[in-house]
Amino acid sequence: MRKVADAADVSVPTLYNLFGSKDEIRAALVGGFFDELDRSLGEGGPPDEPIQRVLAFVTAGVDTVVARSATTRPALLAQEHGGGGEHRTTPMAVERQRAAIQAAMDAGHLRADLRSDLLAAQAYDGFHRAAILWARGTLDASGFRSQARYAVCVCLLAVATDASRPDLLRACRDLERELGPATP
């Protein structure tokens, strides 16, 4: 909380007075993160192609986390250490991914064989793992972006149509080259 307070240029007691508990402070950080993410996606507009929209959301998410590293890094590390490595899924993130995945299913770019909400939650877990590795310093920003995009591409491959599968496989192979050897 000290690092978050320092980044906000307030004292720790002021942080608690303004927001309440640690959970409420984290919720405010996440809310600010998604506000910024919405603005960044709105600037260039989301891609028209539904699968590219899903990947653009992930890329914008990574870029926003990295841009706000003064607050996101300590928050991710505190969440990791405070929760024994567990994390609570951020419903807003999962809902945005679910909607994008569902739109790709509705447009016929992905099969509706699996539930879009569970695919989105799985994709978020991959994003969160990559975020933790970045927060620890195991991945740089580029590695974070590649790892998060790879997690989403693998999820999408589970429901890829014959038409979308080659592009997703190509994206996965390109990301594998960027990532190099496996990260523990």
Protein backbone atom coordinates (compact mmCIF):
# COMPACT_ATOMS: atom_id res chain seq x y z
CA MET A 1 0.00 0.00 0.00
CA ARG A 2 2.97 2.29 0.60
CA LYS A 3 4.02 2.01 -3.05
CA VAL A 4 0.49 2.70 -4.22
CA ALA A 5 0.25 5.72 -1.89
CA ASP A 6 3.63 6.99 -3.09
CA ALA A 7 2.55 6.64 -6.73
CA ALA A 8 -0.65 8.57 -5.92
CA ASP A 9 1.36 11.18 -3.99
CA VAL A 10 -0.68 10.69 -0.81
CA SER A 11 0.03 9.13 2.58
CA VAL A 12 -1.02 5.56 3.36
CA PRO A 13 -3.63 6.74 5.91
CA THR A 14 -5.08 9.10 3.29
CA LEU A 15 -5.31 6.19 0.86
CA TYR A 16 -7.33 4.20 3.40
CA ASN A 17 -9.46 7.25 4.29
CA LEU A 18 -10.30 7.82 0.63
CA PHE A 19 -11.00 4.22 -0.38
CA GLY A 20 -11.41 2.08 2.75
CA SER A 21 -9.95 -1.42 2.91
CA LYS A 22 -7.17 -2.96 0.82
CA ASP A 23 -9.82 -4.69 -1.28
CA GLU A 24 -11.55 -1.37 -1.94
CA ILE A 25 -8.21 0.21 -2.88
CA ARG A 26 -7.49 -2.66 -5.27
CA ALA A 27 -11.00 -2.32 -6.73
CA ALA A 28 -10.37 1.39 -7.34
CA LEU A 29 -7.07 0.56 -9.06
CA VAL A 30 -8.78 -2.01 -11.25
CA GLY A 31 -11.59 0.45 -12.04
CA GLY A 32 -9.06 3.08 -13.07
CA PHE A 33 -7.25 0.50 -15.15
CA PHE A 34 -10.43 -0.35 -17.08
CA ASP A 35 -11.34 3.30 -17.54
CA GLU A 36 -7.93 3.83 -19.13
CA LEU A 37 -8.29 0.65 -21.17
CA ASP A 38 -11.66 1.81 -22.50
CA ARG A 39 -10.12 5.16 -23.50
CA SER A 40 -7.19 3.48 -25.26
CA LEU A 41 -9.50 1.14 -27.20
CA GLY A 42 -11.76 4.05 -28.09
CA GLU A 43 -8.94 6.15 -29.57
CA GLY A 44 -8.16 3.90 -32.50
CA GLY A 45 -11.42 2.04 -32.38
CA PRO A 46 -11.55 -1.71 -31.96
CA PRO A 47 -10.79 -3.69 -35.09
CA ASP A 48 -13.82 -4.77 -37.11
CA GLU A 49 -12.68 -8.40 -37.30
CA PRO A 50 -13.92 -10.13 -34.11
CA ILE A 51 -10.83 -12.25 -33.41
CA GLN A 52 -8.57 -9.24 -33.87
CA ARG A 53 -10.85 -7.37 -31.43
CA VAL A 54 -10.20 -10.05 -28.78
CA LEU A 55 -6.43 -9.75 -29.33
CA ALA A 56 -6.58 -5.93 -29.38
CA PHE A 57 -8.24 -6.01 -25.97
CA VAL A 58 -5.35 -8.10 -24.61
CA THR A 59 -2.70 -5.88 -26.18
CA ALA A 60 -4.37 -2.72 -24.87
CA GLY A 61 -4.63 -4.35 -21.44
CA VAL A 62 -0.92 -5.13 -21.37
CA ASP A 63 0.00 -1.66 -22.60
CA THR A 64 -2.18 -0.07 -19.91
CA VAL A 65 -0.72 -2.24 -17.14
CA VAL A 66 2.82 -1.42 -18.26
CA ALA A 67 2.07 2.31 -18.65
CA ARG A 68 0.76 2.39 -15.06
CA SER A 69 3.59 0.26 -13.68
CA ALA A 70 4.10 2.52 -10.66
CA THR A 71 0.75 1.32 -9.32
CA THR A 72 0.06 -1.93 -11.19
CA ARG A 73 3.35 -3.65 -10.36
CA PRO A 74 3.03 -3.21 -6.56
CA ALA A 75 -0.68 -4.06 -6.72
CA LEU A 76 0.00 -7.29 -8.62
CA LEU A 77 2.81 -8.27 -6.27
CA ALA A 78 0.72 -7.47 -3.20
CA GLN A 79 -2.15 -9.50 -4.61
CA GLU A 80 0.17 -12.42 -5.31
CA HIS A 81 1.79 -12.37 -1.87
CA GLY A 82 -1.34 -11.49 0.06
CA GLY A 83 -3.43 -14.23 -1.51
CA GLY A 84 -0.91 -17.06 -1.56
CA GLY A 85 -0.59 -16.78 -5.33
CA GLU A 86 -4.35 -16.96 -5.88
CA HIS A 87 -6.21 -14.15 -7.55
CA ARG A 88 -9.82 -13.22 -7.80
CA THR A 89 -10.89 -13.00 -11.41
CA THR A 90 -11.70 -9.46 -12.38
CA PRO A 91 -15.31 -9.69 -13.59
CA MET A 92 -15.02 -6.58 -15.78
CA ALA A 93 -12.07 -8.06 -17.68
CA VAL A 94 -13.74 -11.41 -18.15
CA GLU A 95 -16.98 -9.78 -19.31
CA ARG A 96 -15.17 -7.69 -21.92
CA GLN A 97 -13.37 -10.77 -23.23
CA ARG A 98 -16.56 -12.85 -23.08
CA ALA A 99 -18.42 -10.28 -25.16
CA ALA A 100 -15.62 -10.16 -27.74
CA ILE A 101 -15.41 -13.97 -27.91
CA GLN A 102 -19.20 -14.24 -28.17
CA ALA A 103 -19.21 -11.68 -31.00
CA ALA A 104 -16.63 -13.80 -32.84
CA MET A 105 -18.83 -16.86 -32.29
CA ASP A 106 -21.94 -15.02 -33.46
CA ALA A 107 -20.09 -13.86 -36.59
CA GLY A 108 -19.06 -17.44 -37.37
CA HIS A 109 -15.33 -16.86 -36.79
CA LEU A 110 -15.33 -19.19 -33.78
CA ARG A 111 -17.45 -22.28 -33.10
CA ALA A 112 -19.87 -22.12 -30.18
CA ASP A 113 -18.76 -25.56 -28.93
CA LEU A 114 -17.64 -24.16 -25.57
CA ARG A 115 -19.01 -21.46 -23.29
CA SER A 116 -17.70 -17.98 -24.03
CA ASP A 117 -17.63 -17.07 -20.32
CA LEU A 118 -15.36 -19.99 -19.42
CA LEU A 119 -13.09 -19.33 -22.41
CA ALA A 120 -12.85 -15.69 -21.34
CA ALA A 121 -12.02 -16.69 -17.74
CA GLN A 122 -9.31 -19.05 -19.01
CA ALA A 123 -7.89 -16.30 -21.23
CA TYR A 124 -7.89 -13.94 -18.25
CA ASP A 125 -5.99 -16.50 -16.17
CA GLY A 126 -3.29 -16.55 -18.87
CA PHE A 127 -3.20 -12.74 -18.92
CA HIS A 128 -2.94 -12.62 -15.13
CA ARG A 129 -0.11 -15.19 -15.07
CA ALA A 130 1.79 -13.11 -17.62
CA ALA A 131 1.10 -9.96 -15.56
CA ILE A 132 2.53 -11.60 -12.43
CA LEU A 133 5.65 -12.72 -14.33
CA TRP A 134 6.06 -9.14 -15.57
CA ALA A 135 5.52 -7.73 -12.07
CA ARG A 136 8.21 -10.07 -10.72
CA GLY A 137 10.60 -8.94 -13.46
CA THR A 138 10.65 -12.37 -15.13
CA LEU A 139 9.16 -10.93 -18.32
CA ASP A 140 9.75 -7.53 -19.87
CA ALA A 141 6.85 -5.60 -21.42
CA SER A 142 7.29 -7.32 -24.79
CA GLY A 143 7.35 -10.75 -23.15
CA PHE A 144 4.26 -9.86 -21.12
CA ARG A 145 2.44 -8.85 -24.31
CA SER A 146 3.49 -12.01 -26.16
CA GLN A 147 2.67 -14.34 -23.26
CA ALA A 148 -0.78 -12.78 -22.73
CA ARG A 149 -1.60 -12.89 -26.46
CA TYR A 150 -0.38 -16.49 -26.66
CA ALA A 151 -2.71 -17.52 -23.80
CA VAL A 152 -5.68 -15.99 -25.60
CA CYS A 153 -4.75 -17.51 -28.97
CA VAL A 154 -4.51 -20.97 -27.41
CA CYS A 155 -7.99 -20.52 -25.88
CA LEU A 156 -9.38 -19.39 -29.21
CA LEU A 157 -7.83 -22.37 -30.99
CA ALA A 158 -10.11 -24.61 -28.93
CA VAL A 159 -13.11 -23.20 -30.82
CA ALA A 160 -11.49 -22.08 -34.08
CA THR A 161 -13.38 -22.68 -37.28
CA ASP A 162 -11.60 -24.24 -40.23
CA ALA A 163 -11.30 -20.73 -41.69
CA SER A 164 -9.87 -19.07 -38.55
CA ARG A 165 -7.60 -21.91 -37.39
CA PRO A 166 -4.67 -21.24 -39.79
CA ASP A 167 -4.43 -17.57 -38.76
CA LEU A 168 -4.56 -18.44 -35.05
CA LEU A 169 -1.93 -21.18 -35.48
CA ARG A 170 0.30 -18.75 -37.35
CA ALA A 171 -0.14 -16.19 -34.58
CA CYS A 172 0.72 -18.83 -31.94
CA ARG A 173 3.84 -19.91 -33.82
CA ASP A 174 4.97 -16.29 -34.23
CA LEU A 175 4.41 -15.70 -30.51
CA GLU A 176 6.30 -18.90 -29.63
CA ARG A 177 9.32 -17.57 -31.53
CA GLU A 178 9.04 -14.26 -29.65
CA LEU A 179 8.77 -16.03 -26.30
CA GLY A 180 11.73 -18.36 -26.78
CA PRO A 181 12.22 -21.06 -24.12
CA ALA A 182 9.39 -21.79 -21.71
CA THR A 183 9.05 -19.57 -18.64
CA PRO A 184 8.73 -21.51 -15.36
